[in-house]
C-alpha atoms as a PDB file:
ATOM      1  CA  MET A   1      48.550 -12.747   6.227  1.00  0.00           C
ATOM      2  CA  LYS A   2      45.224 -11.515   4.840  1.00  0.00           C
ATOM      3  CA  LEU A   3      47.015 -10.231   1.754  1.00  0.00           C
ATOM      4  CA  ILE A   4      48.495 -13.692   1.109  1.00  0.00           C
ATOM      5  CA  GLN A   5      45.065 -15.318   1.506  1.00  0.00           C
ATOM      6  CA  PHE A   6      43.530 -12.761  -0.868  1.00  0.00           C
ATOM      7  CA  ILE A   7      46.228 -13.370  -3.479  1.00  0.00           C
ATOM      8  CA  ALA A   8      45.844 -17.174  -3.189  1.00  0.00           C
ATOM      9  CA  VAL A   9      42.058 -17.012  -3.586  1.00  0.00           C
ATOM     10  CA  THR A  10      42.338 -14.589  -6.510  1.00  0.00           C
ATOM     11  CA  MET A  11      44.889 -16.801  -8.281  1.00  0.00           C
ATOM     12  CA  PHE A  12      42.648 -19.849  -7.769  1.00  0.00           C
ATOM     13  CA  PHE A  13      39.702 -18.116  -9.418  1.00  0.00           C
ATOM     14  CA  LEU A  14      41.811 -16.740 -12.262  1.00  0.00           C
ATOM     15  CA  GLN A  15      43.219 -20.202 -13.010  1.00  0.00           C
ATOM     16  CA  SER A  16      39.768 -21.781 -13.015  1.00  0.00           C
ATOM     17  CA  CYS A  17      38.611 -19.407 -15.749  1.00  0.00           C
ATOM     18  CA  ASP A  18      39.369 -20.603 -19.261  1.00  0.00           C
ATOM     19  CA  SER A  19      38.672 -18.336 -22.192  1.00  0.00           C
ATOM     20  CA  ASN A  20      38.415 -21.414 -24.430  1.00  0.00           C
ATOM     21  CA  ASP A  21      35.342 -22.704 -22.583  1.00  0.00           C
ATOM     22  CA  GLU A  22      32.334 -22.705 -24.858  1.00  0.00           C
ATOM     23  CA  GLU A  23      29.065 -21.697 -23.322  1.00  0.00           C
ATOM     24  CA  LYS A  24      26.871 -24.755 -22.989  1.00  0.00           C
ATOM     25  CA  PRO A  25      23.330 -24.396 -24.343  1.00  0.00           C
ATOM     26  CA  CYS A  26      20.548 -24.444 -21.817  1.00  0.00           C
ATOM     27  CA  CYS A  27      18.208 -27.387 -21.865  1.00  0.00           C
ATOM     28  CA  ASN A  28      14.631 -26.938 -20.681  1.00  0.00           C
ATOM     29  CA  VAL A  29      12.274 -29.871 -20.422  1.00  0.00           C
ATOM     30  CA  ASP A  30       8.586 -29.191 -19.800  1.00  0.00           C
ATOM     31  CA  LEU A  31       6.631 -32.399 -20.236  1.00  0.00           C
ATOM     32  CA  ASP A  32       4.705 -32.899 -17.016  1.00  0.00           C
ATOM     33  CA  PHE A  33       0.990 -32.242 -16.630  1.00  0.00           C
ATOM     34  CA  GLN A  34      -1.818 -32.961 -14.225  1.00  0.00           C
ATOM     35  CA  ILE A  35      -5.139 -34.691 -14.796  1.00  0.00           C
ATOM     36  CA  GLU A  36      -8.264 -34.195 -12.706  1.00  0.00           C
ATOM     37  CA  MET A  37     -11.077 -36.752 -13.073  1.00  0.00           C
ATOM     38  CA  ILE A  38     -14.687 -35.778 -12.385  1.00  0.00           C
ATOM     39  CA  ASP A  39     -18.097 -37.261 -13.111  1.00  0.00           C
ATOM     40  CA  SER A  40     -20.928 -35.373 -14.834  1.00  0.00           C
ATOM     41  CA  SER A  41     -22.002 -33.969 -11.430  1.00  0.00           C
ATOM     42  CA  GLY A  42     -18.529 -32.592 -10.716  1.00  0.00           C
ATOM     43  CA  ASN A  43     -17.583 -35.230  -8.123  1.00  0.00           C
ATOM     44  CA  ASP A  44     -13.853 -35.898  -7.789  1.00  0.00           C
ATOM     45  CA  LEU A  45     -13.316 -39.438  -9.125  1.00  0.00           C
ATOM     46  CA  LEU A  46      -9.813 -39.575  -7.618  1.00  0.00           C
ATOM     47  CA  ASN A  47     -10.907 -38.665  -4.088  1.00  0.00           C
ATOM     48  CA  PRO A  48     -11.141 -41.893  -2.085  1.00  0.00           C
ATOM     49  CA  SER A  49     -13.774 -40.390   0.219  1.00  0.00           C
ATOM     50  CA  PHE A  50     -16.212 -40.221  -2.721  1.00  0.00           C
ATOM     51  CA  GLY A  51     -18.059 -43.542  -3.054  1.00  0.00           C
ATOM     52  CA  GLY A  52     -17.855 -43.704  -6.851  1.00  0.00           C
ATOM     53  CA  SER A  53     -14.159 -42.876  -7.130  1.00  0.00           C
ATOM     54  CA  PHE A  54     -11.476 -44.980  -8.801  1.00  0.00           C
ATOM     55  CA  ASN A  55      -9.505 -47.222  -6.453  1.00  0.00           C
ATOM     56  CA  HIS A  56      -5.985 -45.756  -6.199  1.00  0.00           C
ATOM     57  CA  SER A  57      -4.401 -49.199  -5.994  1.00  0.00           C
ATOM     58  CA  GLU A  58      -5.868 -50.131  -9.413  1.00  0.00           C
ATOM     59  CA  ILE A  59      -4.643 -47.030 -11.246  1.00  0.00           C
ATOM     60  CA  SER A  60      -1.512 -47.490 -13.331  1.00  0.00           C
ATOM     61  CA  TYR A  61       0.249 -45.622 -16.122  1.00  0.00           C
ATOM     62  CA  TYR A  62       2.230 -47.522 -18.737  1.00  0.00           C
ATOM     63  CA  LYS A  63       3.628 -47.658 -22.260  1.00  0.00           C
ATOM     64  CA  PHE A  64       4.833 -50.366 -24.609  1.00  0.00           C
ATOM     65  CA  ASP A  65       8.494 -50.486 -25.615  1.00  0.00           C
ATOM     66  CA  GLU A  66       9.749 -51.197 -29.137  1.00  0.00           C
ATOM     67  CA  ASP A  67       9.416 -54.949 -28.504  1.00  0.00           C
ATOM     68  CA  SER A  68       5.759 -54.566 -27.403  1.00  0.00           C
ATOM     69  CA  ASN A  69       6.635 -55.200 -23.755  1.00  0.00           C
ATOM     70  CA  LYS A  70       4.521 -53.368 -21.207  1.00  0.00           C
ATOM     71  CA  VAL A  71       6.599 -50.850 -19.223  1.00  0.00           C
ATOM     72  CA  GLU A  72       5.081 -49.360 -16.070  1.00  0.00           C
ATOM     73  CA  MET A  73       5.764 -45.675 -15.580  1.00  0.00           C
ATOM     74  CA  ILE A  74       5.590 -43.974 -12.247  1.00  0.00           C
ATOM     75  CA  LEU A  75       2.837 -41.490 -11.538  1.00  0.00           C
ATOM     76  CA  GLU A  76       4.909 -38.845  -9.760  1.00  0.00           C
ATOM     77  CA  ASN A  77       3.847 -38.965  -6.112  1.00  0.00           C
ATOM     78  CA  ASN A  78       0.823 -40.806  -7.517  1.00  0.00           C
ATOM     79  CA  PHE A  79      -1.762 -38.280  -6.431  1.00  0.00           C
ATOM     80  CA  ILE A  80      -1.480 -34.611  -5.648  1.00  0.00           C
ATOM     81  CA  ILE A  81      -3.968 -33.269  -3.171  1.00  0.00           C
ATOM     82  CA  ALA A  82      -4.578 -29.566  -3.663  1.00  0.00           C
ATOM     83  CA  PRO A  83      -6.548 -27.690  -1.019  1.00  0.00           C
ATOM     84  CA  SER A  84      -9.235 -25.356  -2.265  1.00  0.00           C
ATOM     85  CA  ASN A  85     -10.813 -22.241  -0.780  1.00  0.00           C
ATOM     86  CA  ASN A  86     -13.975 -24.025   0.324  1.00  0.00           C
ATOM     87  CA  GLY A  87     -12.072 -26.594   2.390  1.00  0.00           C
ATOM     88  CA  VAL A  88     -12.550 -29.460  -0.076  1.00  0.00           C
ATOM     89  CA  SER A  89      -9.335 -30.927  -1.464  1.00  0.00           C
ATOM     90  CA  LYS A  90      -9.002 -31.946  -5.109  1.00  0.00           C
ATOM     91  CA  TYR A  91      -7.006 -34.927  -6.276  1.00  0.00           C
ATOM     92  CA  PHE A  92      -4.851 -34.877  -9.426  1.00  0.00           C
ATOM     93  CA  LEU A  93      -2.690 -37.397 -11.239  1.00  0.00           C
ATOM     94  CA  ASN A  94       0.744 -35.907 -11.880  1.00  0.00           C
ATOM     95  CA  ILE A  95       2.051 -37.253 -15.197  1.00  0.00           C
ATOM     96  CA  THR A  96       5.796 -36.830 -15.724  1.00  0.00           C
ATOM     97  CA  GLU A  97       6.546 -39.352 -18.492  1.00  0.00           C
ATOM     98  CA  ILE A  98       5.056 -39.196 -21.971  1.00  0.00           C
ATOM     99  CA  GLY A  99       5.156 -42.724 -23.361  1.00  0.00           C
ATOM    100  CA  THR A 100       6.525 -44.432 -26.455  1.00  0.00           C
ATOM    101  CA  LYS A 101       7.451 -42.375 -29.520  1.00  0.00           C
ATOM    102  CA  GLN A 102       5.184 -43.084 -32.500  1.00  0.00           C
ATOM    103  CA  SER A 103       5.921 -42.772 -36.218  1.00  0.00           C
ATOM    104  CA  ASP A 104       4.166 -39.381 -36.341  1.00  0.00           C
ATOM    105  CA  GLY A 105       6.513 -38.035 -33.635  1.00  0.00           C
ATOM    106  CA  SER A 106       3.921 -38.123 -30.859  1.00  0.00           C
ATOM    107  CA  TYR A 107       4.231 -40.168 -27.660  1.00  0.00           C
ATOM    108  CA  LEU A 108       1.583 -42.696 -26.616  1.00  0.00           C
ATOM    109  CA  SER A 109       0.855 -44.036 -23.131  1.00  0.00           C
ATOM    110  CA  TYR A 110      -2.015 -45.726 -21.330  1.00  0.00           C
ATOM    111  CA  LEU A 111      -3.807 -44.835 -18.117  1.00  0.00           C
ATOM    112  CA  LYS A 112      -5.525 -47.803 -16.505  1.00  0.00           C
ATOM    113  CA  LEU A 113      -8.195 -46.523 -14.123  1.00  0.00           C
ATOM    114  CA  SER A 114      -9.823 -49.850 -13.250  1.00  0.00           C
ATOM    115  CA  SER A 115      -9.883 -53.436 -14.444  1.00  0.00           C
ATOM    116  CA  ASP A 116     -12.261 -52.477 -17.272  1.00  0.00           C
ATOM    117  CA  ILE A 117     -11.245 -48.867 -18.078  1.00  0.00           C
ATOM    118  CA  THR A 118      -7.978 -48.097 -19.878  1.00  0.00           C
ATOM    119  CA  ASP A 119      -7.591 -44.723 -21.572  1.00  0.00           C
ATOM    120  CA  THR A 120      -4.971 -43.434 -24.008  1.00  0.00           C
ATOM    121  CA  VAL A 121      -2.820 -40.357 -23.527  1.00  0.00           C
ATOM    122  CA  LYS A 122      -1.035 -38.943 -26.560  1.00  0.00           C
ATOM    123  CA  VAL A 123       1.468 -36.081 -26.302  1.00  0.00           C
ATOM    124  CA  LYS A 124       2.964 -34.105 -29.181  1.00  0.00           C
ATOM    125  CA  THR A 125       6.168 -32.294 -28.303  1.00  0.00           C
ATOM    126  CA  ILE A 126       8.284 -29.549 -29.787  1.00  0.00           C
ATOM    127  CA  GLU A 127      12.016 -30.169 -29.672  1.00  0.00           C
ATOM    128  CA  GLU A 128      14.300 -27.275 -30.580  1.00  0.00           C
ATOM    129  CA  ASN A 129      17.667 -25.888 -29.486  1.00  0.00           C
ATOM    130  CA  GLY A 130      18.050 -28.602 -26.861  1.00  0.00           C
ATOM    131  CA  ASN A 131      14.652 -27.804 -25.359  1.00  0.00           C
ATOM    132  CA  VAL A 132      11.714 -30.217 -25.225  1.00  0.00           C
ATOM    133  CA  TYR A 133       8.230 -29.162 -24.243  1.00  0.00           C
ATOM    134  CA  LYS A 134       4.683 -30.381 -24.618  1.00  0.00           C
ATOM    135  CA  ASP A 135       2.728 -28.840 -27.477  1.00  0.00           C
ATOM    136  CA  LYS A 136      -0.569 -30.793 -27.553  1.00  0.00           C
ATOM    137  CA  ILE A 137      -2.201 -33.476 -25.405  1.00  0.00           C
ATOM    138  CA  TRP A 138      -4.977 -35.859 -26.466  1.00  0.00           C
ATOM    139  CA  TYR A 139      -7.006 -37.983 -24.070  1.00  0.00           C
ATOM    140  CA  ASN A 140      -8.795 -40.879 -25.797  1.00  0.00           C
ATOM    141  CA  ASP A 141      -8.164 -39.155 -29.147  1.00  0.00           C
ATOM    142  CA  ASN A 142      -9.781 -35.881 -27.986  1.00  0.00           C
ATOM    143  CA  LEU A 143      -7.514 -32.818 -27.971  1.00  0.00           C
ATOM    144  CA  VAL A 144      -7.659 -31.621 -24.349  1.00  0.00           C
ATOM    145  CA  TRP A 145      -4.692 -29.221 -24.100  1.00  0.00           C
ATOM    146  CA  GLU A 146      -2.498 -27.190 -26.421  1.00  0.00           C
ATOM    147  CA  LYS A 147       0.307 -24.773 -25.725  1.00  0.00           C
ATOM    148  CA  THR A 148      -0.857 -22.126 -28.181  1.00  0.00           C
ATOM    149  CA  GLY A 149      -4.436 -22.091 -26.882  1.00  0.00           C
ATOM    150  CA  LEU A 150      -5.851 -20.824 -23.659  1.00  0.00           C
ATOM    151  CA  SER A 151      -5.703 -24.285 -22.130  1.00  0.00           C
ATOM    152  CA  THR A 152      -4.880 -24.503 -18.459  1.00  0.00           C
ATOM    153  CA  LEU A 153      -3.656 -27.235 -16.194  1.00  0.00           C
ATOM    154  CA  PRO A 154      -4.825 -29.458 -14.670  1.00  0.00           C
ATOM    155  CA  ILE A 155      -6.604 -31.107 -17.567  1.00  0.00           C
ATOM    156  CA  VAL A 156     -10.124 -31.887 -16.420  1.00  0.00           C
ATOM    157  CA  ILE A 157     -11.515 -35.178 -17.740  1.00  0.00           C
ATOM    158  CA  THR A 158     -15.214 -35.916 -17.292  1.00  0.00           C
ATOM    159  CA  LYS A 159     -16.055 -39.634 -17.053  1.00  0.00           C
END
């Protein structure tokens, strides 16, 4: 009986193999990044326990579509809280979408931090062999991260 089962399983696997199958190219997408917001004294502006922090309910991330309609994008899990060695947690915004494609090939989005503060986020990507990954990131027109440099994540923005 075991021999019959072995033969049946072997035939199943042999039939499922097709020498005409072309190997599908791998597709890697690496577009997400994290932003940490601090003030000039190093206080975490995303930590609600800090009195001068941004109100989480007012923070939004959006882009404009080709018809100039505002499209809200989700901040993945909104805020990431990372514990540190000294017992103080740091808050980060986890950005997973890169905005609307511009004529120069970059992607533009907007980060609204409060009713009177809206910042721009611009991402330049490299797309090759089915792979897409971030190459450079600008925050309010200042280059804050690039793949070829020694830049690390999260991106620290001082307000």
